[in-house]
Amino acid sequence: MNGKNIYFISDLHLGATYLKSPLDYEKRVVRWLDTIKDDVAELYLLGDILDYWYEYRTVVPRGYVRFLGALASLADRGVKITWFIGNHDIWLFDYLRDEIGLEVVDGYLVKDILGKRFFMSHGDGLGRLKPSFKLIRFLFRNKFCQTLYSAIHPRWTIPFAHRWSTSSRDFSEEIPQFTDPDNESLIAFSKDYLESHPDIDFFVYGHKHVLVDYPVAPGTNVIILGDWIHHFSFARFDGESMDLFRFIDGKSVKI
């Protein structure tokens, strides 16, 4: 493996029923993965990669063949892949970890990468959370609730999960934009965390579907990765600079 760049991507929501063509979206992601295969050393998937996923002990959901195959191909080439659990792909257990050879992270990870210190998380569990959202997060991660849910046949749970996802999505044509740092919970969390951990160089998040590269302190930036519903975006770190890109017409365009 000759790659040296580190890539970050989030909120693909592959398989979502509200996408115009879920298969076309998946193929677009696979084309992007093919463009980075020769220069990627590590790939960080910052959550909500799949719009819904639930692993049973001996059964996994259908679909995602091209995408999972592309990840497996990268892993076989020596690329280290880390997948952060989001609020849509919560129920990643051991199948993708063992089958592809990737690391699954639930929560956040602080790690030194090419001489810089990164704080990485999907972001849904950070900062001030509404009580209703806290309850949902608890129920979805509770082992007993998961056992009860797994006892229901997938013919009912999968359509229900997709309807839930669709009901929470804003289908306006307006592309989500970052406009008010003072009211962004992830920036507030980053500032608070930085007070006791001043060695962080980059905070990297998903979840919000907006593109952000915001300095929260001298030498420290918050990166929010956008999504692949509106932005088709990702970040790349080469050891010196951390840059945001969009994947347009088969080419990566720096923002």
Protein backbone atom coordinates (compact mmCIF):
# COMPACT_ATOMS: atom_id res chain seq x y z
CA MET A 1 0.00 0.00 0.00
CA ASN A 2 1.46 3.35 -1.07
CA GLY A 3 -1.26 5.59 0.31
CA LYS A 4 -0.52 8.30 2.82
CA ASN A 5 -3.74 10.34 2.92
CA ILE A 6 -6.42 10.03 5.57
CA TYR A 7 -10.05 10.31 4.44
CA PHE A 8 -13.19 11.10 6.43
CA ILE A 9 -16.78 10.71 5.25
CA SER A 10 -20.20 10.57 6.90
CA ASP A 11 -23.97 10.52 6.44
CA LEU A 12 -24.20 8.56 3.21
CA HIS A 13 -27.59 7.13 4.30
CA LEU A 14 -27.20 4.35 1.75
CA GLY A 15 -30.39 2.42 1.14
CA ALA A 16 -32.69 5.24 2.22
CA THR A 17 -36.07 4.96 0.54
CA TYR A 18 -36.35 8.74 0.14
CA LEU A 19 -33.33 8.86 -2.21
CA LYS A 20 -34.28 9.29 -5.87
CA SER A 21 -32.29 6.20 -6.79
CA PRO A 22 -30.62 4.39 -3.87
CA LEU A 23 -28.60 2.24 -6.27
CA ASP A 24 -27.24 5.27 -8.14
CA TYR A 25 -26.21 6.85 -4.84
CA GLU A 26 -24.41 3.67 -3.86
CA LYS A 27 -22.62 3.51 -7.21
CA ARG A 28 -21.53 7.13 -6.79
CA VAL A 29 -19.94 6.34 -3.42
CA VAL A 30 -18.21 3.29 -4.91
CA ARG A 31 -16.81 5.43 -7.73
CA TRP A 32 -15.39 7.79 -5.12
CA LEU A 33 -13.84 4.91 -3.21
CA ASP A 34 -12.24 3.74 -6.43
CA THR A 35 -10.66 7.17 -6.96
CA ILE A 36 -8.92 7.12 -3.57
CA LYS A 37 -7.81 3.49 -3.47
CA ASP A 38 -4.20 4.25 -4.46
CA ASP A 39 -3.56 7.07 -1.99
CA VAL A 40 -5.63 6.22 1.08
CA ALA A 41 -3.92 4.94 4.21
CA GLU A 42 -6.89 5.20 6.58
CA LEU A 43 -10.61 5.70 6.02
CA TYR A 44 -12.89 6.98 8.76
CA LEU A 45 -16.64 6.49 8.32
CA LEU A 46 -18.23 8.96 10.74
CA GLY A 47 -21.66 7.38 11.10
CA ASP A 48 -25.04 7.12 9.35
CA ILE A 49 -23.27 5.38 6.49
CA LEU A 50 -26.29 3.13 6.09
CA ASP A 51 -29.78 4.50 6.59
CA TYR A 52 -30.74 1.31 8.41
CA TRP A 53 -28.85 -1.79 9.48
CA TYR A 54 -29.63 -4.51 11.96
CA GLU A 55 -27.53 -7.63 12.34
CA TYR A 56 -29.22 -10.77 13.53
CA ARG A 57 -27.04 -13.62 14.74
CA THR A 58 -27.05 -15.45 11.41
CA VAL A 59 -28.77 -12.96 9.08
CA VAL A 60 -27.87 -9.49 7.80
CA PRO A 61 -29.96 -7.09 5.65
CA ARG A 62 -29.92 -7.42 1.88
CA GLY A 63 -28.30 -4.78 -0.32
CA TYR A 64 -25.12 -2.66 -0.16
CA VAL A 65 -23.21 -5.32 -2.11
CA ARG A 66 -21.15 -2.88 -4.18
CA PHE A 67 -20.34 -0.63 -1.24
CA LEU A 68 -19.38 -3.39 1.18
CA GLY A 69 -17.38 -5.07 -1.56
CA ALA A 70 -15.47 -1.83 -2.17
CA LEU A 71 -14.69 -1.53 1.54
CA ALA A 72 -13.52 -5.14 1.63
CA SER A 73 -11.27 -4.48 -1.37
CA LEU A 74 -9.69 -1.50 0.42
CA ALA A 75 -9.21 -3.52 3.60
CA ASP A 76 -7.56 -6.29 1.60
CA ARG A 77 -5.12 -3.69 0.22
CA GLY A 78 -4.10 -2.78 3.76
CA VAL A 79 -6.29 0.28 4.32
CA LYS A 80 -7.34 0.70 7.94
CA ILE A 81 -11.09 1.38 8.09
CA THR A 82 -12.86 2.72 11.17
CA TRP A 83 -16.66 2.90 11.23
CA PHE A 84 -18.35 5.08 13.85
CA ILE A 85 -21.86 4.11 14.82
CA GLY A 86 -24.39 6.84 14.04
CA ASN A 87 -28.03 7.23 14.95
CA HIS A 88 -29.17 5.30 11.87
CA ASP A 89 -26.59 2.50 11.68
CA ILE A 90 -26.69 1.88 15.43
CA TRP A 91 -26.88 -1.89 15.32
CA LEU A 92 -23.48 -2.74 13.91
CA PHE A 93 -22.26 -5.68 15.93
CA ASP A 94 -19.60 -8.11 14.69
CA TYR A 95 -20.48 -9.05 11.10
CA LEU A 96 -18.85 -6.16 9.22
CA ARG A 97 -16.02 -6.05 11.75
CA ASP A 98 -15.14 -9.69 11.17
CA GLU A 99 -16.13 -10.05 7.50
CA ILE A 100 -14.39 -6.93 6.18
CA GLY A 101 -11.80 -6.42 8.89
CA LEU A 102 -12.73 -2.96 10.11
CA GLU A 103 -12.99 -1.35 13.53
CA VAL A 104 -16.39 -0.32 14.90
CA VAL A 105 -16.50 2.61 17.34
CA ASP A 106 -19.56 3.53 19.39
CA GLY A 107 -19.03 6.99 20.84
CA TYR A 108 -15.90 9.01 20.23
CA LEU A 109 -12.25 8.38 19.54
CA VAL A 110 -9.24 10.56 20.34
CA LYS A 111 -6.26 9.61 18.22
CA ASP A 112 -2.95 10.95 16.93
CA ILE A 113 -2.84 10.84 13.12
CA LEU A 114 0.25 11.92 11.19
CA GLY A 115 1.39 14.17 14.01
CA LYS A 116 -1.97 15.82 14.78
CA ARG A 117 -4.47 14.99 17.49
CA PHE A 118 -8.02 14.24 16.38
CA PHE A 119 -11.29 14.01 18.28
CA MET A 120 -13.77 12.06 16.15
CA SER A 121 -17.42 11.17 16.66
CA HIS A 122 -20.65 10.96 14.70
CA GLY A 123 -21.86 13.70 17.02
CA ASP A 124 -25.40 12.65 17.87
CA GLY A 125 -24.60 11.96 21.52
CA LEU A 126 -22.59 15.11 22.23
CA GLY A 127 -23.61 18.46 23.65
CA ARG A 128 -27.05 19.37 24.90
CA LEU A 129 -29.62 16.74 23.92
CA LYS A 130 -33.38 16.90 24.09
CA PRO A 131 -34.84 14.53 26.72
CA SER A 132 -36.83 12.72 24.03
CA PHE A 133 -33.68 12.11 21.99
CA LYS A 134 -31.82 10.88 25.08
CA LEU A 135 -34.62 8.39 25.70
CA ILE A 136 -34.54 7.12 22.13
CA ARG A 137 -30.74 6.73 22.25
CA PHE A 138 -31.04 4.77 25.50
CA LEU A 139 -33.73 2.45 24.15
CA PHE A 140 -31.91 1.82 20.88
CA ARG A 141 -28.68 0.90 22.71
CA ASN A 142 -30.27 -1.10 25.51
CA LYS A 143 -29.40 -4.80 25.21
CA PHE A 144 -32.77 -5.98 26.47
CA CYS A 145 -34.62 -3.75 24.00
CA GLN A 146 -32.38 -4.99 21.21
CA THR A 147 -33.22 -8.59 22.13
CA LEU A 148 -36.94 -7.83 22.02
CA TYR A 149 -36.57 -6.02 18.70
CA SER A 150 -34.61 -8.90 17.14
CA ALA A 151 -37.46 -11.27 18.00
CA ILE A 152 -39.74 -9.41 15.55
CA HIS A 153 -39.58 -10.64 11.97
CA PRO A 154 -37.61 -8.34 9.61
CA ARG A 155 -40.60 -8.12 7.25
CA TRP A 156 -42.08 -5.76 9.83
CA THR A 157 -39.04 -4.11 11.41
CA ILE A 158 -37.31 -3.04 8.18
CA PRO A 159 -40.33 -1.21 6.64
CA PHE A 160 -41.00 0.37 10.03
CA ALA A 161 -37.39 1.59 10.30
CA HIS A 162 -37.48 3.11 6.81
CA ARG A 163 -40.78 4.88 7.53
CA TRP A 164 -39.28 6.27 10.75
CA SER A 165 -36.24 7.55 8.85
CA THR A 166 -38.36 9.14 6.14
CA SER A 167 -40.62 10.87 8.68
CA SER A 168 -37.61 12.60 10.29
CA ARG A 169 -36.07 13.86 7.05
CA ASP A 170 -36.49 17.37 5.69
CA PHE A 171 -37.21 17.04 1.98
CA SER A 172 -36.84 20.69 1.13
CA GLU A 173 -34.71 21.42 -1.92
CA GLU A 174 -32.59 23.86 0.08
CA ILE A 175 -29.14 22.45 0.79
CA PRO A 176 -28.31 22.52 4.53
CA GLN A 177 -25.93 25.39 5.29
CA PHE A 178 -23.85 26.39 8.30
CA THR A 179 -24.80 29.94 9.28
CA ASP A 180 -24.62 30.43 13.05
CA PRO A 181 -21.62 29.07 14.98
CA ASP A 182 -22.94 30.51 18.23
CA ASN A 183 -25.94 28.17 18.08
CA GLU A 184 -24.15 25.06 16.83
CA SER A 185 -24.11 22.47 19.61
CA LEU A 186 -21.06 20.62 18.29
CA ILE A 187 -19.01 23.80 18.26
CA ALA A 188 -20.11 24.56 21.81
CA PHE A 189 -19.17 21.03 22.87
CA SER A 190 -15.78 21.34 21.16
CA LYS A 191 -15.00 24.60 22.95
CA ASP A 192 -15.90 23.08 26.31
CA TYR A 193 -13.87 19.94 25.64
CA LEU A 194 -10.90 22.00 24.50
CA GLU A 195 -10.69 23.77 27.85
CA SER A 196 -9.57 20.54 29.53
CA HIS A 197 -7.94 18.97 26.46
CA PRO A 198 -6.04 21.81 24.74
CA ASP A 199 -3.97 19.40 22.64
CA ILE A 200 -6.78 18.67 20.13
CA ASP A 201 -5.99 19.91 16.61
CA PHE A 202 -9.15 18.77 14.82
CA PHE A 203 -12.67 17.89 15.93
CA VAL A 204 -14.33 15.84 13.18
CA TYR A 205 -18.07 15.16 13.18
CA GLY A 206 -20.94 14.02 11.00
CA HIS A 207 -24.63 14.05 11.88
CA LYS A 208 -25.52 17.69 11.08
CA HIS A 209 -25.45 17.40 7.25
CA VAL A 210 -23.68 20.76 6.93
CA LEU A 211 -20.19 21.55 5.68
CA VAL A 212 -18.08 23.23 8.33
CA ASP A 213 -14.43 24.15 8.74
CA TYR A 214 -14.50 26.48 11.73
CA PRO A 215 -11.60 27.61 13.96
CA VAL A 216 -12.62 27.29 17.60
CA ALA A 217 -9.18 28.28 18.89
CA PRO A 218 -5.77 29.09 17.42
CA GLY A 219 -4.59 25.88 15.78
CA THR A 220 -7.85 23.99 16.39
CA ASN A 221 -10.68 23.53 13.87
CA VAL A 222 -14.08 21.89 13.94
CA ILE A 223 -14.82 19.91 10.79
CA ILE A 224 -18.39 18.79 10.04
CA LEU A 225 -18.39 16.56 7.00
CA GLY A 226 -21.68 17.38 5.26
CA ASP A 227 -23.43 14.41 3.67
CA TRP A 228 -24.03 12.47 0.44
CA ILE A 229 -27.66 13.48 0.10
CA HIS A 230 -26.95 17.11 -0.78
CA HIS A 231 -23.20 17.79 -0.68
CA PHE A 232 -21.43 14.56 -1.77
CA SER A 233 -18.61 15.70 0.49
CA PHE A 234 -15.63 14.36 2.39
CA ALA A 235 -12.43 15.53 4.10
CA ARG A 236 -8.81 14.63 3.44
CA PHE A 237 -5.82 15.02 5.73
CA ASP A 238 -2.34 14.71 4.23
CA GLY A 239 -0.31 15.32 7.36
CA GLU A 240 -0.22 19.07 6.87
CA SER A 241 -3.64 20.34 5.81
CA MET A 242 -7.19 19.19 6.44
CA ASP A 243 -9.38 20.02 3.45
CA LEU A 244 -13.04 19.56 2.53
CA PHE A 245 -14.02 18.33 -0.94
CA ARG A 246 -17.11 17.57 -2.97
CA PHE A 247 -17.29 14.66 -5.41
CA ILE A 248 -18.81 16.14 -8.59
CA ASP A 249 -19.04 14.45 -11.99
CA GLY A 250 -16.56 11.79 -10.95
CA LYS A 251 -13.96 14.29 -9.70
CA SER A 252 -13.00 15.54 -6.25
CA VAL A 253 -13.33 19.33 -6.05
CA LYS A 254 -11.73 21.19 -3.15
CA ILE A 255 -14.06 23.57 -1.32
